[in-house]
Amino acid sequence: MPVPGVLRAGTTIDVEFSQAASSRTSKSGDLVALKTVGDVRGVQNELLIPAGSPVVAEVIQASPARMMGKAGELTLAARYVEVGGTRITLKRFRFGTGNGKDNTGTTMAATALIGLPGMLISGGNVDVAVGARANAVVVSDTPLGAPAPALAPAPASAATVSTTTETNQPTGGL
């Protein structure tokens, strides 16, 4: 049974790149900034993750395009989304293709037609632009912003207020 204020494992979170990544310039271990696209709400429509919350992905592997038509490769892994100082671990990051254009066939045909210069044809790099969309999945149930219990009215005896008044009246003459 779903519990209010708990972000459920398996919840998909839509994200957007705040920083570009490329198989040409990225290196393994680089962190890439993203942000959540929309609000993520709980079972009672309570706000669990506000839109614009920071998300971090890590470059796992990056290889630039090479000669002879070899395509570039870029592999990213979603690491976490941060909400109110809590890091929520993510997995299953999907952002489109991780491979650039493979020009191996073109290179082979060009080499057969024009010889050695055909081998200088390069493959395509993977370029992920700012604003590109992706999604990731929450790893485990995470309590976030659980609704506060309703407060019962205070008993009447606890609400006693002291009403002492002082008056400043002259007590004697000069």
Protein backbone atom coordinates (compact mmCIF):
# COMPACT_ATOMS: atom_id res chain seq x y z
CA MET A 1 0.00 0.00 0.00
CA PRO A 2 1.48 3.41 -0.98
CA VAL A 3 2.50 5.61 1.94
CA PRO A 4 2.05 9.40 1.85
CA GLY A 5 5.32 11.35 1.72
CA VAL A 6 7.35 8.42 0.34
CA LEU A 7 8.96 8.47 -3.10
CA ARG A 8 8.49 4.94 -4.38
CA ALA A 9 11.24 2.77 -5.86
CA GLY A 10 10.72 2.48 -9.61
CA THR A 11 9.32 6.01 -9.98
CA THR A 12 10.43 7.48 -13.32
CA ILE A 13 11.73 11.05 -13.18
CA ASP A 14 11.93 13.16 -16.34
CA VAL A 15 15.06 15.29 -16.53
CA GLU A 16 16.70 17.84 -18.81
CA PHE A 17 20.38 18.50 -19.44
CA SER A 18 21.58 21.78 -17.87
CA GLN A 19 25.07 21.15 -19.23
CA ALA A 20 26.15 19.72 -22.58
CA ALA A 21 28.06 16.45 -22.88
CA SER A 22 30.02 15.10 -25.85
CA SER A 23 31.99 12.02 -26.77
CA ARG A 24 34.59 14.45 -28.14
CA THR A 25 35.20 16.42 -24.91
CA SER A 26 33.83 14.42 -21.96
CA LYS A 27 36.02 12.12 -19.90
CA SER A 28 35.21 9.14 -17.72
CA GLY A 29 34.29 10.36 -14.22
CA ASP A 30 33.04 13.80 -15.34
CA LEU A 31 29.81 14.89 -13.64
CA VAL A 32 27.05 16.34 -15.80
CA ALA A 33 24.35 18.69 -14.42
CA LEU A 34 20.69 18.08 -15.17
CA LYS A 35 17.41 19.17 -13.57
CA THR A 36 13.96 17.69 -13.10
CA VAL A 37 11.46 18.73 -15.76
CA GLY A 38 8.24 18.63 -13.72
CA ASP A 39 7.01 18.18 -10.19
CA VAL A 40 6.96 14.64 -8.81
CA ARG A 41 3.97 14.11 -6.53
CA GLY A 42 3.06 11.45 -4.00
CA VAL A 43 -0.06 9.35 -3.45
CA GLN A 44 -1.96 12.24 -1.84
CA ASN A 45 -0.76 14.71 -4.48
CA GLU A 46 1.87 16.04 -2.04
CA LEU A 47 4.93 17.60 -3.65
CA LEU A 48 7.91 15.27 -3.26
CA ILE A 49 10.36 16.63 -5.87
CA PRO A 50 9.84 20.15 -7.24
CA ALA A 51 10.51 20.94 -10.90
CA GLY A 52 14.05 22.24 -11.38
CA SER A 53 15.61 20.08 -8.65
CA PRO A 54 19.27 19.32 -9.40
CA VAL A 55 20.15 15.94 -10.89
CA VAL A 56 23.68 14.59 -11.38
CA ALA A 57 24.82 12.09 -14.01
CA GLU A 58 28.33 10.68 -14.45
CA VAL A 59 30.24 9.97 -17.64
CA ILE A 60 31.06 6.26 -17.51
CA GLN A 61 32.79 6.02 -20.87
CA ALA A 62 33.54 8.51 -23.63
CA SER A 63 35.36 7.84 -26.89
CA PRO A 64 35.60 10.42 -29.66
CA ALA A 65 34.90 9.52 -33.28
CA ARG A 66 37.93 8.09 -35.07
CA MET A 67 39.33 7.66 -38.52
CA MET A 68 38.05 4.91 -40.79
CA GLY A 69 34.48 5.87 -39.88
CA LYS A 70 34.45 4.63 -36.28
CA ALA A 71 31.63 6.31 -34.35
CA GLY A 72 32.11 8.11 -31.05
CA GLU A 73 30.58 6.63 -27.90
CA LEU A 74 29.19 8.29 -24.77
CA THR A 75 27.83 6.34 -21.81
CA LEU A 76 26.22 8.24 -18.93
CA ALA A 77 24.75 6.98 -15.66
CA ALA A 78 22.23 8.90 -13.56
CA ARG A 79 23.55 9.11 -10.00
CA TYR A 80 21.09 11.11 -7.90
CA VAL A 81 18.50 13.87 -7.59
CA GLU A 82 18.88 16.23 -4.64
CA VAL A 83 15.83 17.40 -2.69
CA GLY A 84 16.16 19.45 0.50
CA GLY A 85 19.66 18.12 1.21
CA THR A 86 18.62 14.49 0.56
CA ARG A 87 20.28 12.64 -2.31
CA ILE A 88 17.96 10.12 -3.93
CA THR A 89 19.84 7.43 -5.84
CA LEU A 90 18.81 6.91 -9.46
CA LYS A 91 19.34 4.17 -12.07
CA ARG A 92 18.32 3.22 -15.65
CA PHE A 93 19.26 6.47 -17.35
CA ARG A 94 17.81 6.81 -20.86
CA PHE A 95 18.72 9.73 -23.10
CA GLY A 96 18.67 8.47 -26.67
CA THR A 97 21.52 6.94 -28.56
CA GLY A 98 24.96 6.66 -27.01
CA ASN A 99 26.68 6.13 -30.35
CA GLY A 100 27.58 8.64 -33.03
CA LYS A 101 27.16 8.01 -36.73
CA ASP A 102 29.09 4.95 -37.87
CA ASN A 103 30.71 5.74 -41.23
CA THR A 104 32.63 2.48 -41.56
CA GLY A 105 30.70 1.40 -44.67
CA THR A 106 31.21 4.80 -46.31
CA THR A 107 34.91 4.66 -45.46
CA MET A 108 35.30 1.21 -47.04
CA ALA A 109 33.48 2.30 -50.22
CA ALA A 110 35.49 5.53 -50.47
CA THR A 111 38.76 3.68 -49.90
CA ALA A 112 37.87 1.23 -52.70
CA LEU A 113 37.08 4.14 -55.06
CA ILE A 114 39.73 6.73 -54.20
CA GLY A 115 42.32 4.76 -52.26
CA LEU A 116 44.11 5.81 -49.08
CA PRO A 117 42.37 9.23 -48.63
CA GLY A 118 39.09 7.36 -48.09
CA MET A 119 40.48 6.04 -44.80
CA LEU A 120 40.55 9.62 -43.44
CA ILE A 121 36.74 9.76 -43.20
CA SER A 122 35.77 10.10 -39.55
CA GLY A 123 32.74 8.76 -37.71
CA GLY A 124 30.30 11.02 -35.86
CA ASN A 125 30.58 12.16 -32.24
CA VAL A 126 27.77 11.93 -29.70
CA ASP A 127 26.70 15.42 -28.67
CA VAL A 128 24.03 15.94 -26.01
CA ALA A 129 22.85 19.55 -25.99
CA VAL A 130 21.58 21.65 -23.11
CA GLY A 131 17.82 21.11 -22.95
CA ALA A 132 17.95 17.50 -24.20
CA ARG A 133 15.45 15.31 -22.34
CA ALA A 134 16.07 12.02 -20.57
CA ASN A 135 14.65 10.01 -17.69
CA ALA A 136 15.90 7.96 -14.77
CA VAL A 137 14.34 5.67 -12.17
CA VAL A 138 14.41 5.90 -8.35
CA VAL A 139 16.35 2.99 -6.79
CA SER A 140 14.61 2.62 -3.41
CA ASP A 141 11.68 3.94 -1.39
CA THR A 142 12.68 7.30 0.10
CA PRO A 143 10.69 9.23 2.73
CA LEU A 144 10.34 12.86 1.66
CA GLY A 145 8.20 15.59 3.12
CA ALA A 146 5.81 13.29 4.92
CA PRO A 147 2.69 15.22 5.78
CA ALA A 148 2.69 16.52 9.35
CA PRO A 149 0.06 14.95 11.58
CA ALA A 150 -2.95 17.15 12.26
CA LEU A 151 -2.64 19.02 15.54
CA ALA A 152 -5.45 18.54 18.04
CA PRO A 153 -6.80 21.69 19.68
CA ALA A 154 -5.18 22.43 23.03
CA PRO A 155 -7.28 21.66 26.12
CA ALA A 156 -8.94 24.73 27.69
CA SER A 157 -6.92 24.42 30.94
CA ALA A 158 -3.66 24.70 29.02
CA ALA A 159 -4.68 27.98 27.49
CA THR A 160 -4.77 29.98 30.76
CA VAL A 161 -3.17 33.39 30.34
CA SER A 162 -2.04 35.56 33.25
CA THR A 163 -3.64 39.00 33.11
CA THR A 164 -1.84 40.93 35.86
CA THR A 165 -1.84 44.67 35.34
CA GLU A 166 0.27 47.27 37.02
CA THR A 167 -0.58 50.88 37.51
CA ASN A 168 1.97 53.54 38.15
CA GLN A 169 0.35 55.93 40.61
CA PRO A 170 2.28 58.46 42.62
CA THR A 171 2.73 57.39 46.22
CA GLY A 172 3.75 60.60 47.82
CA GLY A 173 4.29 64.27 47.26
CA LEU A 174 7.34 66.36 46.85
